[in-house]
Amino acid sequence: MQQDRDHPQAAYLHTASDGITRCRWAGDDVLYQHYHDHEWGRPTQDDIQLFEKMCLEGFQSGLSWLTILRKRENFRRAFAGFDFNQIIHFDAEDVSRLLQDAGIVRHRGKINATLNNAHRTLEIVDEFGSLAAYIWQWEAKFPESHIGKGEYHHPIPSITQTSQSLSQDLKRRGWKFFGPTTAYAFMQAMGLVNDHMQGCVCHPIIEGLRENLIRPYSPVSI
């Protein structure tokens, strides 16, 4: 698929050496391309996968996602596969172990936030039946615009009303390291929106997956 230079979103597309046109951020890194093609934006309702992404988005704050992606298997090993049912039993010794693990991001606040958020996830599961049932109620019902200070020229927002509301609700529930920008990045990755660019090979694929998805929620009013 060759990139159409006259496409209105052509500046945000990139045709790699394999001849495939993707969102520009996927670039030419094979790991990034695989993540873009096979994970990013695909609707996800698995609680462990959702929790993992929520945690890793928090660890990514201030870093590139590619840095986290390269360390992801180390994170999974260090955090019991992000099974929150196991993480709730982590103690001070585990925190010390994690702070000495060079394979992950050794940030005490983010590590403690992961342990805290595991407990908060169990509370959500008790209330809603699953983390997915809670998360998917925050799916935007229509395309949203960027909110924030200053001009914003990229066609994809970084913060929306929904991501801000999700972040605020989780903060109210005691979650840590999950601000509105992190919330929107999470929503993009987990398929609550389809932010693959028009002209990207994955855009119609995600549209089809979302169209046929059986959602486990009743939408919230924001």
C-alpha atoms as a PDB file:
ATOM      1  CA  MET A   1       0.000   0.000   0.000  1.00  0.00           C
ATOM      2  CA  GLN A   2       1.629   3.229  -1.135  1.00  0.00           C
ATOM      3  CA  GLN A   3       1.157   6.413   0.817  1.00  0.00           C
ATOM      4  CA  ASP A   4      -1.115   8.968  -0.892  1.00  0.00           C
ATOM      5  CA  ARG A   5       0.687  12.306  -0.628  1.00  0.00           C
ATOM      6  CA  ASP A   6      -2.594  14.141  -1.261  1.00  0.00           C
ATOM      7  CA  HIS A   7      -4.391  12.362   1.577  1.00  0.00           C
ATOM      8  CA  PRO A   8      -5.502  14.950   4.198  1.00  0.00           C
ATOM      9  CA  GLN A   9      -3.646  12.992   6.900  1.00  0.00           C
ATOM     10  CA  ALA A  10      -0.616  12.110   4.751  1.00  0.00           C
ATOM     11  CA  ALA A  11       1.718  14.085   7.016  1.00  0.00           C
ATOM     12  CA  TYR A  12       0.826  11.672   9.828  1.00  0.00           C
ATOM     13  CA  LEU A  13       1.334   8.508   7.756  1.00  0.00           C
ATOM     14  CA  HIS A  14       4.523   6.641   6.903  1.00  0.00           C
ATOM     15  CA  THR A  15       5.197   3.983   4.298  1.00  0.00           C
ATOM     16  CA  ALA A  16       7.970   1.758   5.639  1.00  0.00           C
ATOM     17  CA  SER A  17      10.466  -0.354   3.720  1.00  0.00           C
ATOM     18  CA  ASP A  18       7.976  -3.256   3.767  1.00  0.00           C
ATOM     19  CA  GLY A  19       5.653  -1.167   1.614  1.00  0.00           C
ATOM     20  CA  ILE A  20       2.963  -0.887   4.307  1.00  0.00           C
ATOM     21  CA  THR A  21       1.501   2.502   5.179  1.00  0.00           C
ATOM     22  CA  ARG A  22       1.065   2.987   8.913  1.00  0.00           C
ATOM     23  CA  CYS A  23       0.567   5.790  11.390  1.00  0.00           C
ATOM     24  CA  ARG A  24       3.810   7.794  11.356  1.00  0.00           C
ATOM     25  CA  TRP A  25       4.600   7.041  14.998  1.00  0.00           C
ATOM     26  CA  ALA A  26       5.194   3.365  14.137  1.00  0.00           C
ATOM     27  CA  GLY A  27       8.261   4.433  12.147  1.00  0.00           C
ATOM     28  CA  ASP A  28      10.746   1.806  10.963  1.00  0.00           C
ATOM     29  CA  ASP A  29      11.380  -0.048  14.228  1.00  0.00           C
ATOM     30  CA  VAL A  30      10.194  -3.643  13.763  1.00  0.00           C
ATOM     31  CA  LEU A  31       9.029  -3.970  17.376  1.00  0.00           C
ATOM     32  CA  TYR A  32       7.043  -0.750  17.129  1.00  0.00           C
ATOM     33  CA  GLN A  33       5.538  -1.800  13.799  1.00  0.00           C
ATOM     34  CA  HIS A  34       4.442  -5.150  15.237  1.00  0.00           C
ATOM     35  CA  TYR A  35       2.845  -3.408  18.211  1.00  0.00           C
ATOM     36  CA  HIS A  36       1.079  -0.969  15.875  1.00  0.00           C
ATOM     37  CA  ASP A  37      -0.160  -3.712  13.541  1.00  0.00           C
ATOM     38  CA  HIS A  38      -1.217  -6.364  16.058  1.00  0.00           C
ATOM     39  CA  GLU A  39      -2.040  -4.626  19.346  1.00  0.00           C
ATOM     40  CA  TRP A  40      -2.561  -0.873  19.322  1.00  0.00           C
ATOM     41  CA  GLY A  41      -6.196   0.069  18.950  1.00  0.00           C
ATOM     42  CA  ARG A  42      -7.592  -3.470  18.988  1.00  0.00           C
ATOM     43  CA  PRO A  43     -10.603  -3.643  21.348  1.00  0.00           C
ATOM     44  CA  THR A  44      -9.505  -5.373  24.542  1.00  0.00           C
ATOM     45  CA  GLN A  45     -11.763  -6.768  27.261  1.00  0.00           C
ATOM     46  CA  ASP A  46      -9.293  -8.988  29.122  1.00  0.00           C
ATOM     47  CA  ASP A  47      -8.860  -7.678  32.676  1.00  0.00           C
ATOM     48  CA  ILE A  48      -5.184  -8.631  32.943  1.00  0.00           C
ATOM     49  CA  GLN A  49      -4.334  -6.954  29.642  1.00  0.00           C
ATOM     50  CA  LEU A  50      -6.261  -3.837  30.637  1.00  0.00           C
ATOM     51  CA  PHE A  51      -4.545  -3.653  34.011  1.00  0.00           C
ATOM     52  CA  GLU A  52      -1.124  -4.225  32.445  1.00  0.00           C
ATOM     53  CA  LYS A  53      -1.635  -1.357  30.015  1.00  0.00           C
ATOM     54  CA  MET A  54      -2.883   0.953  32.749  1.00  0.00           C
ATOM     55  CA  CYS A  55       0.265   0.220  34.752  1.00  0.00           C
ATOM     56  CA  LEU A  56       2.653   0.485  31.822  1.00  0.00           C
ATOM     57  CA  GLU A  57       1.128   3.757  30.678  1.00  0.00           C
ATOM     58  CA  GLY A  58       1.893   5.063  34.162  1.00  0.00           C
ATOM     59  CA  PHE A  59       5.490   3.831  33.942  1.00  0.00           C
ATOM     60  CA  GLN A  60       5.770   5.427  30.493  1.00  0.00           C
ATOM     61  CA  SER A  61       5.080   8.920  31.845  1.00  0.00           C
ATOM     62  CA  GLY A  62       8.098  11.059  30.956  1.00  0.00           C
ATOM     63  CA  LEU A  63       9.552   8.333  28.709  1.00  0.00           C
ATOM     64  CA  SER A  64       8.904   7.021  25.208  1.00  0.00           C
ATOM     65  CA  TRP A  65       6.490   4.129  24.751  1.00  0.00           C
ATOM     66  CA  LEU A  66       9.179   2.315  22.766  1.00  0.00           C
ATOM     67  CA  THR A  67      11.359   2.304  25.893  1.00  0.00           C
ATOM     68  CA  ILE A  68       8.570   0.604  27.831  1.00  0.00           C
ATOM     69  CA  LEU A  69       7.788  -1.771  24.988  1.00  0.00           C
ATOM     70  CA  ARG A  70      11.381  -2.992  24.939  1.00  0.00           C
ATOM     71  CA  LYS A  71      11.167  -3.661  28.680  1.00  0.00           C
ATOM     72  CA  ARG A  72       7.672  -5.132  28.682  1.00  0.00           C
ATOM     73  CA  GLU A  73       8.688  -8.768  29.167  1.00  0.00           C
ATOM     74  CA  ASN A  74      10.860  -7.685  32.108  1.00  0.00           C
ATOM     75  CA  PHE A  75       7.891  -5.846  33.590  1.00  0.00           C
ATOM     76  CA  ARG A  76       5.684  -8.912  33.165  1.00  0.00           C
ATOM     77  CA  ARG A  77       8.235 -11.092  34.904  1.00  0.00           C
ATOM     78  CA  ALA A  78       8.720  -8.585  37.720  1.00  0.00           C
ATOM     79  CA  PHE A  79       4.993  -7.985  38.310  1.00  0.00           C
ATOM     80  CA  ALA A  80       3.641 -11.553  38.146  1.00  0.00           C
ATOM     81  CA  GLY A  81       2.292 -11.104  34.632  1.00  0.00           C
ATOM     82  CA  PHE A  82       0.305  -8.100  35.907  1.00  0.00           C
ATOM     83  CA  ASP A  83      -2.129 -10.422  37.614  1.00  0.00           C
ATOM     84  CA  PHE A  84      -3.583  -8.006  40.146  1.00  0.00           C
ATOM     85  CA  ASN A  85      -4.782 -10.947  42.239  1.00  0.00           C
ATOM     86  CA  GLN A  86      -1.119 -11.747  42.878  1.00  0.00           C
ATOM     87  CA  ILE A  87       0.201  -8.197  43.065  1.00  0.00           C
ATOM     88  CA  ILE A  88      -2.035  -7.395  46.043  1.00  0.00           C
ATOM     89  CA  HIS A  89       0.205  -9.727  48.067  1.00  0.00           C
ATOM     90  CA  PHE A  90       3.409  -7.825  47.214  1.00  0.00           C
ATOM     91  CA  ASP A  91       5.089  -6.324  50.283  1.00  0.00           C
ATOM     92  CA  ALA A  92       8.071  -4.133  51.211  1.00  0.00           C
ATOM     93  CA  GLU A  93      10.504  -6.880  50.200  1.00  0.00           C
ATOM     94  CA  ASP A  94       8.947  -6.957  46.741  1.00  0.00           C
ATOM     95  CA  VAL A  95       9.270  -3.188  46.451  1.00  0.00           C
ATOM     96  CA  SER A  96      12.961  -3.469  47.354  1.00  0.00           C
ATOM     97  CA  ARG A  97      13.369  -6.245  44.784  1.00  0.00           C
ATOM     98  CA  LEU A  98      11.716  -4.139  42.090  1.00  0.00           C
ATOM     99  CA  LEU A  99      13.838  -1.097  42.900  1.00  0.00           C
ATOM    100  CA  GLN A 100      16.928  -3.222  42.229  1.00  0.00           C
ATOM    101  CA  ASP A 101      15.611  -4.676  38.964  1.00  0.00           C
ATOM    102  CA  ALA A 102      17.514  -2.993  36.113  1.00  0.00           C
ATOM    103  CA  GLY A 103      15.152  -4.547  33.580  1.00  0.00           C
ATOM    104  CA  ILE A 104      12.260  -2.249  34.497  1.00  0.00           C
ATOM    105  CA  VAL A 105      11.812   1.445  35.279  1.00  0.00           C
ATOM    106  CA  ARG A 106      13.011   1.746  38.872  1.00  0.00           C
ATOM    107  CA  HIS A 107      10.746   4.540  40.080  1.00  0.00           C
ATOM    108  CA  ARG A 108       9.494   4.067  43.632  1.00  0.00           C
ATOM    109  CA  GLY A 109       6.361   6.143  43.124  1.00  0.00           C
ATOM    110  CA  LYS A 110       5.320   4.232  40.013  1.00  0.00           C
ATOM    111  CA  ILE A 111       6.071   0.876  41.623  1.00  0.00           C
ATOM    112  CA  ASN A 112       4.017   1.765  44.689  1.00  0.00           C
ATOM    113  CA  ALA A 113       1.248   3.041  42.414  1.00  0.00           C
ATOM    114  CA  THR A 114       1.103  -0.344  40.665  1.00  0.00           C
ATOM    115  CA  LEU A 115       0.687  -2.119  44.005  1.00  0.00           C
ATOM    116  CA  ASN A 116      -1.948   0.388  45.096  1.00  0.00           C
ATOM    117  CA  ASN A 117      -3.824   0.165  41.811  1.00  0.00           C
ATOM    118  CA  ALA A 118      -3.986  -3.628  42.054  1.00  0.00           C
ATOM    119  CA  HIS A 119      -6.033  -3.237  45.249  1.00  0.00           C
ATOM    120  CA  ARG A 120      -8.180  -0.575  43.608  1.00  0.00           C
ATOM    121  CA  THR A 121      -8.779  -2.916  40.661  1.00  0.00           C
ATOM    122  CA  LEU A 122     -10.196  -5.591  42.953  1.00  0.00           C
ATOM    123  CA  GLU A 123     -12.599  -2.987  44.327  1.00  0.00           C
ATOM    124  CA  ILE A 124     -13.731  -2.191  40.777  1.00  0.00           C
ATOM    125  CA  VAL A 125     -14.176  -5.894  40.016  1.00  0.00           C
ATOM    126  CA  ASP A 126     -16.271  -6.283  43.158  1.00  0.00           C
ATOM    127  CA  GLU A 127     -18.476  -3.357  42.085  1.00  0.00           C
ATOM    128  CA  PHE A 128     -18.769  -3.922  38.324  1.00  0.00           C
ATOM    129  CA  GLY A 129     -18.031  -7.631  37.901  1.00  0.00           C
ATOM    130  CA  SER A 130     -14.862  -7.030  35.898  1.00  0.00           C
ATOM    131  CA  LEU A 131     -12.380  -4.292  35.121  1.00  0.00           C
ATOM    132  CA  ALA A 132     -13.529  -4.435  31.499  1.00  0.00           C
ATOM    133  CA  ALA A 133     -17.134  -3.682  32.466  1.00  0.00           C
ATOM    134  CA  TYR A 134     -15.931  -0.544  34.233  1.00  0.00           C
ATOM    135  CA  ILE A 135     -13.450   0.563  31.574  1.00  0.00           C
ATOM    136  CA  TRP A 136     -15.698   0.135  28.550  1.00  0.00           C
ATOM    137  CA  GLN A 137     -18.372   2.397  29.944  1.00  0.00           C
ATOM    138  CA  TRP A 138     -15.895   5.221  29.228  1.00  0.00           C
ATOM    139  CA  GLU A 139     -15.884   4.607  25.490  1.00  0.00           C
ATOM    140  CA  ALA A 140     -16.536   7.920  23.776  1.00  0.00           C
ATOM    141  CA  LYS A 141     -19.868   7.934  21.969  1.00  0.00           C
ATOM    142  CA  PHE A 142     -18.570  10.245  19.218  1.00  0.00           C
ATOM    143  CA  PRO A 143     -15.219  11.688  18.062  1.00  0.00           C
ATOM    144  CA  GLU A 144     -13.879  14.150  20.586  1.00  0.00           C
ATOM    145  CA  SER A 145     -11.628  17.179  20.278  1.00  0.00           C
ATOM    146  CA  HIS A 146      -8.488  17.994  22.215  1.00  0.00           C
ATOM    147  CA  ILE A 147      -9.007  19.979  25.391  1.00  0.00           C
ATOM    148  CA  GLY A 148      -6.242  21.936  27.035  1.00  0.00           C
ATOM    149  CA  LYS A 149      -4.202  25.098  26.795  1.00  0.00           C
ATOM    150  CA  GLY A 150      -2.801  26.493  23.566  1.00  0.00           C
ATOM    151  CA  GLU A 151      -3.297  25.498  19.949  1.00  0.00           C
ATOM    152  CA  TYR A 152      -3.318  21.846  19.014  1.00  0.00           C
ATOM    153  CA  HIS A 153      -2.709  21.008  15.364  1.00  0.00           C
ATOM    154  CA  HIS A 154      -2.428  17.208  15.332  1.00  0.00           C
ATOM    155  CA  PRO A 155      -5.679  15.554  14.174  1.00  0.00           C
ATOM    156  CA  ILE A 156      -5.550  13.147  17.128  1.00  0.00           C
ATOM    157  CA  PRO A 157      -6.144  14.636  20.595  1.00  0.00           C
ATOM    158  CA  SER A 158      -4.001  13.943  23.638  1.00  0.00           C
ATOM    159  CA  ILE A 159      -6.684  14.758  26.228  1.00  0.00           C
ATOM    160  CA  THR A 160     -10.454  14.631  25.799  1.00  0.00           C
ATOM    161  CA  GLN A 161     -13.445  15.234  28.021  1.00  0.00           C
ATOM    162  CA  THR A 162     -13.866  11.473  28.394  1.00  0.00           C
ATOM    163  CA  SER A 163     -10.225  10.816  29.301  1.00  0.00           C
ATOM    164  CA  GLN A 164     -10.364  13.646  31.807  1.00  0.00           C
ATOM    165  CA  SER A 165     -13.530  12.213  33.346  1.00  0.00           C
ATOM    166  CA  LEU A 166     -12.057   8.696  33.479  1.00  0.00           C
ATOM    167  CA  SER A 167      -8.907  10.003  35.159  1.00  0.00           C
ATOM    168  CA  GLN A 168     -10.925  11.975  37.685  1.00  0.00           C
ATOM    169  CA  ASP A 169     -13.140   9.010  38.508  1.00  0.00           C
ATOM    170  CA  LEU A 170     -10.145   6.718  39.036  1.00  0.00           C
ATOM    171  CA  LYS A 171      -8.477   9.364  41.191  1.00  0.00           C
ATOM    172  CA  ARG A 172     -11.642   9.494  43.266  1.00  0.00           C
ATOM    173  CA  ARG A 173     -11.369   5.725  43.620  1.00  0.00           C
ATOM    174  CA  GLY A 174      -7.796   6.034  44.889  1.00  0.00           C
ATOM    175  CA  TRP A 175      -5.801   5.298  41.728  1.00  0.00           C
ATOM    176  CA  LYS A 176      -2.325   6.769  41.258  1.00  0.00           C
ATOM    177  CA  PHE A 177      -0.328   7.799  38.161  1.00  0.00           C
ATOM    178  CA  PHE A 178      -3.285   7.858  35.769  1.00  0.00           C
ATOM    179  CA  GLY A 179      -3.826  11.422  34.611  1.00  0.00           C
ATOM    180  CA  PRO A 180      -6.007  12.488  31.650  1.00  0.00           C
ATOM    181  CA  THR A 181      -3.191  12.235  29.075  1.00  0.00           C
ATOM    182  CA  THR A 182      -2.303   8.755  30.318  1.00  0.00           C
ATOM    183  CA  ALA A 183      -6.000   7.869  30.273  1.00  0.00           C
ATOM    184  CA  TYR A 184      -6.387   8.875  26.633  1.00  0.00           C
ATOM    185  CA  ALA A 185      -3.244   6.984  25.579  1.00  0.00           C
ATOM    186  CA  PHE A 186      -4.734   3.955  27.318  1.00  0.00           C
ATOM    187  CA  MET A 187      -8.087   4.438  25.559  1.00  0.00           C
ATOM    188  CA  GLN A 188      -6.322   4.599  22.191  1.00  0.00           C
ATOM    189  CA  ALA A 189      -4.280   1.477  22.845  1.00  0.00           C
ATOM    190  CA  MET A 190      -7.175  -0.615  24.152  1.00  0.00           C
ATOM    191  CA  GLY A 191      -9.531   0.246  21.299  1.00  0.00           C
ATOM    192  CA  LEU A 192     -11.992   2.499  23.103  1.00  0.00           C
ATOM    193  CA  VAL A 193     -11.378   4.828  20.173  1.00  0.00           C
ATOM    194  CA  ASN A 194      -9.955   4.162  16.717  1.00  0.00           C
ATOM    195  CA  ASP A 195      -7.099   6.615  16.336  1.00  0.00           C
ATOM    196  CA  HIS A 196      -5.313   4.857  13.516  1.00  0.00           C
ATOM    197  CA  MET A 197      -5.044   7.506  10.806  1.00  0.00           C
ATOM    198  CA  GLN A 198      -7.244   7.439   7.746  1.00  0.00           C
ATOM    199  CA  GLY A 199      -4.978   5.819   5.175  1.00  0.00           C
ATOM    200  CA  CYS A 200      -3.236   3.591   7.729  1.00  0.00           C
ATOM    201  CA  VAL A 201      -3.541  -0.096   6.897  1.00  0.00           C
ATOM    202  CA  CYS A 202      -4.999  -0.778  10.349  1.00  0.00           C
ATOM    203  CA  HIS A 203      -7.758   1.831  10.346  1.00  0.00           C
ATOM    204  CA  PRO A 204     -10.415  -0.276   8.532  1.00  0.00           C
ATOM    205  CA  ILE A 205      -9.389  -3.377  10.488  1.00  0.00           C
ATOM    206  CA  ILE A 206     -10.047  -1.644  13.813  1.00  0.00           C
ATOM    207  CA  GLU A 207     -13.291  -0.174  12.498  1.00  0.00           C
ATOM    208  CA  GLY A 208     -14.491  -3.689  11.716  1.00  0.00           C
ATOM    209  CA  LEU A 209     -13.464  -5.048  15.115  1.00  0.00           C
ATOM    210  CA  ARG A 210     -15.194  -2.209  16.925  1.00  0.00           C
ATOM    211  CA  GLU A 211     -18.332  -2.536  14.818  1.00  0.00           C
ATOM    212  CA  ASN A 212     -18.714  -6.206  15.754  1.00  0.00           C
ATOM    213  CA  LEU A 213     -17.705  -5.847  19.396  1.00  0.00           C
ATOM    214  CA  ILE A 214     -20.172  -6.882  22.100  1.00  0.00           C
ATOM    215  CA  ARG A 215     -19.604  -4.293  24.815  1.00  0.00           C
ATOM    216  CA  PRO A 216     -19.871  -5.206  28.509  1.00  0.00           C
ATOM    217  CA  TYR A 217     -21.217  -1.887  29.748  1.00  0.00           C
ATOM    218  CA  SER A 218     -23.874   0.755  29.959  1.00  0.00           C
ATOM    219  CA  PRO A 219     -22.366   4.128  28.929  1.00  0.00           C
ATOM    220  CA  VAL A 220     -21.833   6.730  31.631  1.00  0.00           C
ATOM    221  CA  SER A 221     -23.049  10.289  31.195  1.00  0.00           C
ATOM    222  CA  ILE A 222     -20.238  12.838  31.255  1.00  0.00           C
END
